[in-house]
Amino acid sequence: MKNNIIARFLMAMLPFVAIACDDNIPELGTVNNLKVEKVVLDDELSEGVEIIAGKTFSISEHISAFPDKATNTAQRYESSDPSVADVSEDGILAANKVGECLITVYVGMDGVCEDFTVKVLPVPDITISNIAFVGISDEYKFLDGMTLTLDLNTKVSVSPENYSEKLVFSSSSQDVASIDEGGILTVHKTGETTITASAANHPLISATHNLRVVPLEEEEWDRTSWTMTCSQDPLPNPGGRNNSLGAMFDGKPIVNRLGKNDDSQSNGTAFCIDVPGRNSLKNLTGDAINSHEISFTIDLKQSLPVNWFRISNISGHKDDVVVRFKGFTEISGSNDGKTFEIIEQNLDFTNKQNVKVDDKSYNRETENIHIKFSQYRYLKFMMRGLSCYGPLGRTGGTAQIEEFYLGYTNSKDYAE
């Protein structure tokens, strides 16, 4: 009985099942299975694309397929030179650098493609409207064999500030001073020349400056840009000295010889090292003390003629003479910071550091101390053992220099 009921139910449902299946079976020829036969580029692409470097352009909407009822019209892109321009998966063309390349567009799965050219143009110049020389001296001192250069890019004011047009420099007397494409002026000899800065694309926008090169007779070199390294690392931290590698070039004299270190360095600064056998070097004894070498190397940032140095000490008080330098075992120079040549050996300037003023004080600053002429970028000063410290015959725990100066004097007193 139960089986008969199920059978009658199935027979009753059969027409409905048949009707549903008929709805899902398309008639012959109604399925769209057309393949892409041709890639069509509109005029924006077919005539070639010109685009400025750094810009982007959407290309997908400028591409279609034939026949227009074709299926699978997904787009894919290739660039003959992606460094010039390439296209993302989303169809965004990016102009990377000046140049030309070919973009190939594929549509569908059967390799149907079309090409178009891309020319990437340079970013248009922001033209220069005004040029003026600023901060450049009328006169520079020069010595034969001396390296004297000047970056003219730092000596001009150009409007507008965001200009991109090229700035061109020239010198009327190339034998006196020449200028390279980067704007670096190099002095060759004494004389006069006129320096011109002009806009590359319209040279009537320009500025001139008359420059004289005169013989170098005497000069105390500007210390503003100097830097220094020291073989003793880390440096000691004696009270009231605010010790650092730049301390003896910063023009900050010690105010109170018994003062304390402070963040604002209001008490001044001084370069200090521990003496062999004392403080951080207290474990050295005997021959180890006598053979121990400490050196500091000054980077002058350019090759400069030098034949004297001068030292300013932390005070003139007699008790502070023990922390003074009185000599250098060796002074050497280098232009590459690696290979050094000896300038002086066993230089003793005790008599410049123990000049008595009265019963309680000594000279605070030495006179210029003559050394052999040299012309280097790097100068290394080396001290061995205890021979370079304590001009009164007794050394302190540290040796200190408040300020250190270098210069050149063209006089008989400094002749070799």
Protein backbone atom coordinates (compact mmCIF):
# COMPACT_ATOMS: atom_id res chain seq x y z
CA MET A 1 0.00 0.00 0.00
CA LYS A 2 2.78 2.41 0.97
CA ASN A 3 4.71 1.71 -2.25
CA ASN A 4 1.66 2.44 -4.39
CA ILE A 5 1.22 5.84 -2.76
CA ILE A 6 4.88 6.81 -3.49
CA ALA A 7 4.60 5.69 -7.09
CA ARG A 8 1.41 7.76 -7.66
CA PHE A 9 3.19 10.85 -6.11
CA LEU A 10 6.20 10.54 -8.42
CA MET A 11 4.00 10.19 -11.46
CA ALA A 12 2.15 13.33 -10.45
CA MET A 13 5.41 15.38 -10.11
CA LEU A 14 6.96 14.27 -13.42
CA PRO A 15 5.40 17.03 -15.59
CA PHE A 16 6.74 19.72 -13.27
CA VAL A 17 10.26 18.28 -13.36
CA ALA A 18 10.16 18.12 -17.12
CA ILE A 19 9.03 21.74 -17.35
CA ALA A 20 11.89 22.89 -15.04
CA CYS A 21 14.54 21.04 -17.07
CA ASP A 22 13.26 22.48 -20.33
CA ASP A 23 13.73 26.03 -18.94
CA ASN A 24 17.52 25.42 -18.38
CA ILE A 25 18.34 23.89 -21.75
CA PRO A 26 19.23 26.71 -24.25
CA GLU A 27 18.27 26.32 -27.83
CA LEU A 28 20.99 25.47 -30.33
CA GLY A 29 23.12 28.52 -31.33
CA THR A 30 22.10 30.73 -28.41
CA VAL A 31 25.38 30.22 -26.38
CA ASN A 32 27.94 33.15 -26.85
CA ASN A 33 31.25 31.40 -27.54
CA LEU A 34 32.73 33.97 -29.95
CA LYS A 35 36.52 34.41 -29.82
CA VAL A 36 38.34 37.74 -29.96
CA GLU A 37 39.50 38.32 -33.55
CA LYS A 38 41.04 41.76 -33.18
CA VAL A 39 42.14 44.24 -30.51
CA VAL A 40 40.84 47.73 -31.21
CA LEU A 41 42.69 50.81 -29.89
CA ASP A 42 40.99 54.20 -30.00
CA ASP A 43 42.80 57.30 -31.26
CA GLU A 44 44.22 58.06 -27.80
CA LEU A 45 46.41 54.97 -28.10
CA SER A 46 46.67 54.14 -31.80
CA GLU A 47 48.32 57.46 -32.60
CA GLY A 48 50.83 56.95 -29.79
CA VAL A 49 50.91 58.28 -26.27
CA GLU A 50 53.06 61.17 -25.12
CA ILE A 51 53.29 61.51 -21.36
CA ILE A 52 55.47 63.45 -18.92
CA ALA A 53 57.82 61.47 -16.68
CA GLY A 54 56.23 60.76 -13.33
CA LYS A 55 52.66 60.89 -14.64
CA THR A 56 50.10 58.04 -15.04
CA PHE A 57 47.35 57.34 -17.58
CA SER A 58 44.51 54.80 -17.58
CA ILE A 59 44.44 52.86 -20.87
CA SER A 60 41.90 50.09 -20.27
CA GLU A 61 38.90 52.21 -21.28
CA HIS A 62 40.60 53.03 -24.61
CA ILE A 63 40.75 49.35 -25.62
CA SER A 64 37.98 47.17 -27.05
CA ALA A 65 37.64 43.84 -28.87
CA PHE A 66 36.11 42.72 -32.16
CA PRO A 67 33.58 41.28 -32.41
CA ASP A 68 31.97 43.27 -29.63
CA LYS A 69 30.03 40.20 -28.45
CA ALA A 70 33.23 38.18 -27.96
CA THR A 71 33.64 36.44 -24.64
CA ASN A 72 36.69 36.48 -22.37
CA THR A 73 37.89 39.99 -23.15
CA ALA A 74 40.27 40.21 -20.21
CA GLN A 75 43.23 42.50 -20.93
CA ARG A 76 46.92 41.84 -20.32
CA TYR A 77 49.82 44.23 -20.96
CA GLU A 78 53.54 44.01 -21.75
CA SER A 79 56.17 46.76 -22.08
CA SER A 80 59.26 46.54 -24.27
CA ASP A 81 61.11 48.60 -21.65
CA PRO A 82 59.48 48.75 -18.19
CA SER A 83 62.18 51.15 -17.01
CA VAL A 84 60.67 53.74 -19.39
CA ALA A 85 56.98 52.89 -18.93
CA ASP A 86 54.94 49.94 -17.73
CA VAL A 87 51.27 49.08 -17.20
CA SER A 88 49.70 47.66 -14.05
CA GLU A 89 47.21 44.80 -14.01
CA ASP A 90 44.48 47.44 -13.65
CA GLY A 91 45.54 49.13 -16.89
CA ILE A 92 47.32 52.12 -15.41
CA LEU A 93 50.28 53.24 -17.53
CA ALA A 94 53.12 54.73 -15.47
CA ALA A 95 55.79 56.94 -17.06
CA ASN A 96 59.01 56.09 -15.25
CA LYS A 97 61.75 57.93 -17.12
CA VAL A 98 62.41 59.81 -20.36
CA GLY A 99 62.51 57.53 -23.40
CA GLU A 100 60.37 55.48 -25.78
CA CYS A 101 58.92 52.00 -25.60
CA LEU A 102 56.22 49.78 -27.06
CA ILE A 103 53.18 48.62 -25.09
CA THR A 104 51.51 45.39 -26.25
CA VAL A 105 47.87 44.80 -25.29
CA TYR A 106 46.53 41.23 -25.24
CA VAL A 107 42.77 40.58 -25.13
CA GLY A 108 41.33 37.14 -24.48
CA MET A 109 43.14 33.82 -24.18
CA ASP A 110 44.26 33.29 -27.78
CA GLY A 111 47.17 35.73 -28.00
CA VAL A 112 45.33 38.36 -30.04
CA CYS A 113 47.16 41.64 -29.48
CA GLU A 114 47.88 45.15 -30.65
CA ASP A 115 50.77 47.57 -30.00
CA PHE A 116 51.03 51.27 -29.38
CA THR A 117 54.04 53.50 -28.75
CA VAL A 118 54.74 55.49 -25.61
CA LYS A 119 57.05 58.49 -25.55
CA VAL A 120 57.95 59.70 -22.07
CA LEU A 121 58.86 63.39 -22.05
CA PRO A 122 61.03 65.22 -19.51
CA VAL A 123 59.34 67.25 -16.81
CA PRO A 124 59.04 70.81 -18.13
CA ASP A 125 61.54 73.21 -16.62
CA ILE A 126 60.41 75.71 -14.04
CA THR A 127 62.24 78.64 -15.55
CA ILE A 128 64.61 80.89 -13.66
CA SER A 129 63.47 84.50 -13.28
CA ASN A 130 66.31 86.00 -11.25
CA ILE A 131 69.88 85.18 -10.15
CA ALA A 132 72.11 86.96 -7.63
CA PHE A 133 75.47 86.11 -6.05
CA VAL A 134 75.37 86.03 -2.25
CA GLY A 135 77.99 85.29 0.41
CA ILE A 136 80.89 85.19 -2.03
CA SER A 137 84.07 87.09 -1.26
CA ASP A 138 85.64 89.56 -3.68
CA GLU A 139 89.10 88.24 -2.81
CA TYR A 140 90.62 84.82 -2.15
CA LYS A 141 94.17 84.07 -1.01
CA PHE A 142 96.16 81.47 -2.89
CA LEU A 143 99.54 79.77 -2.66
CA ASP A 144 101.13 77.81 -5.51
CA GLY A 145 100.37 74.14 -5.02
CA MET A 146 97.40 74.92 -2.82
CA THR A 147 94.01 73.29 -3.50
CA LEU A 148 91.36 76.00 -3.41
CA THR A 149 87.82 75.16 -4.53
CA LEU A 150 84.45 76.83 -4.10
CA ASP A 151 80.96 75.41 -4.65
CA LEU A 152 79.22 78.23 -6.50
CA ASN A 153 75.82 76.57 -6.07
CA THR A 154 75.99 77.68 -2.44
CA LYS A 155 76.90 81.23 -3.43
CA VAL A 156 73.86 82.14 -5.56
CA SER A 157 70.27 83.04 -4.79
CA VAL A 158 67.88 81.88 -7.53
CA SER A 159 64.19 82.67 -8.03
CA PRO A 160 61.81 80.95 -7.94
CA GLU A 161 63.03 78.62 -5.19
CA ASN A 162 61.59 75.55 -6.93
CA TYR A 163 63.32 76.24 -10.26
CA SER A 164 64.33 73.23 -12.34
CA GLU A 165 65.99 74.95 -15.26
CA LYS A 166 69.71 74.26 -15.38
CA LEU A 167 72.06 76.87 -13.91
CA VAL A 168 75.25 77.44 -15.92
CA PHE A 169 78.49 78.93 -14.57
CA SER A 170 81.44 80.34 -16.50
CA SER A 171 84.75 82.09 -15.82
CA SER A 172 86.20 84.80 -18.05
CA SER A 173 89.79 83.75 -17.20
CA GLN A 174 90.06 79.98 -17.18
CA ASP A 175 93.77 80.12 -16.33
CA VAL A 176 92.95 81.98 -13.09
CA ALA A 177 89.90 79.91 -12.11
CA SER A 178 87.89 77.29 -13.97
CA ILE A 179 84.39 75.98 -13.24
CA ASP A 180 83.16 72.45 -13.92
CA GLU A 181 79.63 71.46 -14.98
CA GLY A 182 78.65 70.91 -11.37
CA GLY A 183 79.44 74.52 -10.44
CA ILE A 184 82.70 73.81 -8.58
CA LEU A 185 85.22 76.62 -9.04
CA THR A 186 88.92 75.69 -8.85
CA VAL A 187 91.59 78.37 -8.46
CA HIS A 188 94.78 77.86 -10.47
CA LYS A 189 96.82 81.03 -9.93
CA THR A 190 96.67 84.62 -8.78
CA GLY A 191 94.85 87.11 -10.98
CA GLU A 192 91.33 88.33 -11.71
CA THR A 193 88.32 86.74 -13.36
CA THR A 194 84.62 87.44 -13.79
CA ILE A 195 82.27 84.68 -12.69
CA THR A 196 78.91 84.46 -14.46
CA ALA A 197 75.84 82.46 -13.46
CA SER A 198 73.07 82.24 -16.07
CA ALA A 199 69.87 80.38 -16.91
CA ALA A 200 70.63 77.62 -19.42
CA ASN A 201 67.63 78.25 -21.68
CA HIS A 202 67.62 82.05 -21.58
CA PRO A 203 71.12 83.31 -20.68
CA LEU A 204 70.03 86.93 -20.49
CA ILE A 205 68.86 86.04 -16.98
CA SER A 206 72.26 86.13 -15.30
CA ALA A 207 74.50 87.55 -12.57
CA THR A 208 78.21 88.36 -12.53
CA HIS A 209 80.84 88.67 -9.82
CA ASN A 210 84.39 89.97 -10.09
CA LEU A 211 86.83 87.78 -8.21
CA ARG A 212 90.44 88.53 -7.32
CA VAL A 213 92.97 85.86 -6.36
CA VAL A 214 95.89 87.31 -4.40
CA PRO A 215 99.04 85.70 -2.93
CA LEU A 216 98.57 84.06 0.45
CA GLU A 217 100.79 85.84 2.98
CA GLU A 218 99.26 84.94 6.31
CA GLU A 219 96.15 83.06 7.34
CA GLU A 220 94.65 81.50 10.44
CA TRP A 221 92.36 78.87 8.99
CA ASP A 222 88.62 78.86 9.69
CA ARG A 223 87.84 75.91 11.98
CA THR A 224 84.04 75.90 11.58
CA SER A 225 83.81 72.69 9.54
CA TRP A 226 86.72 70.77 11.08
CA THR A 227 86.15 67.37 12.65
CA MET A 228 88.44 65.11 14.64
CA THR A 229 89.00 61.51 15.67
CA CYS A 230 91.03 60.21 18.60
CA SER A 231 92.67 56.85 19.24
CA GLN A 232 91.56 57.07 22.88
CA ASP A 233 87.93 56.04 22.80
CA PRO A 234 85.90 56.76 24.82
CA LEU A 235 87.26 60.09 25.94
CA PRO A 236 87.49 60.81 29.68
CA ASN A 237 84.96 63.05 31.37
CA PRO A 238 86.79 65.35 33.79
CA GLY A 239 84.59 67.84 35.62
CA GLY A 240 83.94 71.24 34.10
CA ARG A 241 85.43 70.45 30.67
CA ASN A 242 82.41 69.21 28.65
CA ASN A 243 84.89 67.06 26.74
CA SER A 244 84.19 66.09 23.11
CA LEU A 245 85.97 65.57 19.79
CA GLY A 246 84.91 69.04 18.67
CA ALA A 247 85.73 70.81 21.92
CA MET A 248 88.98 72.43 20.81
CA PHE A 249 87.44 73.95 17.65
CA ASP A 250 84.23 75.43 19.05
CA GLY A 251 85.51 78.72 20.49
CA LYS A 252 84.06 78.08 23.96
CA PRO A 253 86.70 78.94 26.59
CA ILE A 254 86.63 77.45 30.08
CA VAL A 255 85.01 80.01 32.39
CA ASN A 256 85.65 78.40 35.78
CA ARG A 257 88.64 76.06 36.09
CA LEU A 258 86.88 74.35 39.02
CA GLY A 259 83.46 74.31 37.38
CA LYS A 260 81.21 71.39 36.54
CA ASN A 261 80.00 69.80 33.31
CA ASP A 262 76.66 71.14 32.16
CA ASP A 263 74.32 70.38 29.25
CA SER A 264 74.41 73.95 27.98
CA GLN A 265 78.24 73.99 28.12
CA SER A 266 78.04 77.40 29.79
CA ASN A 267 81.37 76.66 31.48
CA GLY A 268 83.04 76.18 28.08
CA THR A 269 84.69 73.10 26.60
CA ALA A 270 88.12 71.48 26.35
CA PHE A 271 89.51 68.39 24.62
CA CYS A 272 90.94 65.96 27.19
CA ILE A 273 92.74 62.60 27.16
CA ASP A 274 93.87 60.35 30.00
CA VAL A 275 97.63 60.25 30.48
CA PRO A 276 99.30 56.80 30.30
CA GLY A 277 99.34 55.22 33.77
CA ARG A 278 96.46 57.35 35.07
CA ASN A 279 92.66 57.07 35.22
CA SER A 280 91.42 54.73 32.44
CA LEU A 281 95.05 53.85 31.66
CA LYS A 282 96.07 53.15 35.27
CA ASN A 283 96.81 49.49 34.50
CA LEU A 284 99.75 50.52 32.34
CA THR A 285 103.12 50.33 34.11
CA GLY A 286 106.82 50.61 33.28
CA ASP A 287 107.68 50.07 29.64
CA ALA A 288 103.99 49.86 28.74
CA ILE A 289 103.60 53.48 29.82
CA ASN A 290 106.65 54.63 27.86
CA SER A 291 105.55 52.89 24.66
CA HIS A 292 101.84 53.73 24.82
CA GLU A 293 100.74 55.94 21.92
CA ILE A 294 97.75 58.26 21.76
CA SER A 295 96.88 60.32 18.69
CA PHE A 296 94.26 62.70 17.43
CA THR A 297 93.61 63.39 13.75
CA ILE A 298 92.08 66.62 12.44
CA ASP A 299 90.11 66.65 9.19
CA LEU A 300 90.46 70.13 7.69
CA LYS A 301 87.93 69.22 4.93
CA GLN A 302 90.37 70.41 2.28
CA SER A 303 94.09 70.45 1.65
CA LEU A 304 95.53 73.56 3.33
CA PRO A 305 99.03 75.01 3.65
CA VAL A 306 100.09 74.90 7.30
CA ASN A 307 103.35 75.87 9.02
CA TRP A 308 102.22 76.73 12.54
CA PHE A 309 99.80 75.75 15.29
CA ARG A 310 98.73 77.49 18.48
CA ILE A 311 97.25 76.19 21.74
CA SER A 312 94.94 77.89 24.20
CA ASN A 313 94.94 76.25 27.65
CA ILE A 314 92.12 75.89 30.15
CA SER A 315 93.48 78.63 32.43
CA GLY A 316 96.59 80.54 33.39
CA HIS A 317 96.55 79.19 36.95
CA LYS A 318 99.85 77.59 37.96
CA ASP A 319 98.11 74.43 39.18
CA ASP A 320 96.70 73.80 35.71
CA VAL A 321 100.07 73.79 33.94
CA VAL A 322 100.38 70.07 34.80
CA VAL A 323 97.57 69.22 32.37
CA ARG A 324 99.17 71.01 29.44
CA PHE A 325 100.76 69.42 26.37
CA LYS A 326 104.44 70.20 25.88
CA GLY A 327 105.25 68.28 22.70
CA PHE A 328 104.25 65.85 19.96
CA THR A 329 106.22 62.68 19.24
CA GLU A 330 105.13 62.87 15.61
CA ILE A 331 103.07 65.08 13.31
CA SER A 332 102.05 63.56 9.99
CA GLY A 333 99.75 64.46 7.11
CA SER A 334 97.54 62.76 4.56
CA ASN A 335 95.16 63.67 1.77
CA ASP A 336 93.22 60.41 1.77
CA GLY A 337 93.07 59.77 5.52
CA LYS A 338 94.88 56.45 5.11
CA THR A 339 98.47 57.02 4.00
CA PHE A 340 100.30 59.51 6.22
CA GLU A 341 103.66 61.18 5.65
CA ILE A 342 105.82 62.48 8.50
CA ILE A 343 106.03 66.28 8.88
CA GLU A 344 107.74 66.57 12.28
CA GLN A 345 109.20 64.19 14.86
CA ASN A 346 109.98 64.75 18.56
CA LEU A 347 108.71 68.31 18.53
CA ASP A 348 109.19 69.93 21.95
CA PHE A 349 107.49 73.25 22.70
CA THR A 350 107.96 73.29 26.48
CA ASN A 351 109.27 76.85 26.36
CA LYS A 352 106.00 77.98 24.72
CA GLN A 353 103.88 76.40 27.46
CA ASN A 354 105.73 77.40 30.66
CA VAL A 355 105.94 81.17 30.26
CA LYS A 356 105.58 82.55 33.78
CA VAL A 357 103.47 85.66 34.19
CA ASP A 358 103.72 86.01 38.00
CA ASP A 359 104.00 83.78 41.06
CA LYS A 360 100.51 82.36 40.56
CA SER A 361 99.99 82.31 36.81
CA TYR A 362 101.43 81.32 33.45
CA ASN A 363 100.55 82.23 29.88
CA ARG A 364 97.16 80.83 28.92
CA GLU A 365 97.81 80.80 25.18
CA THR A 366 101.01 79.99 23.31
CA GLU A 367 102.41 82.02 20.50
CA ASN A 368 102.29 80.45 17.03
CA ILE A 369 104.50 77.34 17.17
CA HIS A 370 106.42 76.82 13.93
CA ILE A 371 106.41 73.45 12.16
CA LYS A 372 107.65 72.40 8.72
CA PHE A 373 105.44 73.52 5.84
CA SER A 374 102.89 70.99 4.68
CA GLN A 375 99.70 70.93 2.66
CA TYR A 376 97.34 68.14 3.64
CA ARG A 377 93.67 67.60 4.42
CA TYR A 378 94.34 65.38 7.46
CA LEU A 379 96.87 66.17 10.19
CA LYS A 380 97.68 63.56 12.84
CA PHE A 381 99.31 64.47 16.17
CA MET A 382 100.78 61.52 18.10
CA MET A 383 102.05 61.39 21.68
CA ARG A 384 104.12 58.49 23.04
CA GLY A 385 104.59 57.75 26.73
CA LEU A 386 104.72 60.74 29.11
CA SER A 387 107.18 62.84 27.11
CA CYS A 388 104.53 65.14 25.68
CA TYR A 389 102.80 66.23 28.89
CA GLY A 390 103.52 68.56 31.82
CA PRO A 391 105.81 71.45 30.80
CA LEU A 392 106.87 72.02 34.44
CA GLY A 393 108.11 68.43 34.82
CA ARG A 394 104.98 67.00 36.42
CA THR A 395 101.95 65.51 34.68
CA GLY A 396 98.33 65.45 35.72
CA GLY A 397 95.84 62.64 35.26
CA THR A 398 94.70 64.19 31.99
CA ALA A 399 96.14 66.40 29.26
CA GLN A 400 93.84 69.17 28.07
CA ILE A 401 93.56 71.63 25.18
CA GLU A 402 90.96 74.40 25.31
CA GLU A 403 91.38 75.60 21.70
CA PHE A 404 93.67 74.50 18.86
CA TYR A 405 94.53 76.68 15.85
CA LEU A 406 96.35 76.06 12.57
CA GLY A 407 97.64 78.56 10.03
CA TYR A 408 100.18 79.66 7.47
CA THR A 409 102.58 82.60 7.49
CA ASN A 410 104.79 83.56 4.57
CA SER A 411 107.71 85.18 6.35
CA LYS A 412 111.43 84.66 6.93
CA ASP A 413 110.72 83.45 10.47
CA TYR A 414 108.80 80.54 8.99
CA ALA A 415 111.09 79.77 6.06
CA GLU A 416 112.37 76.20 5.81
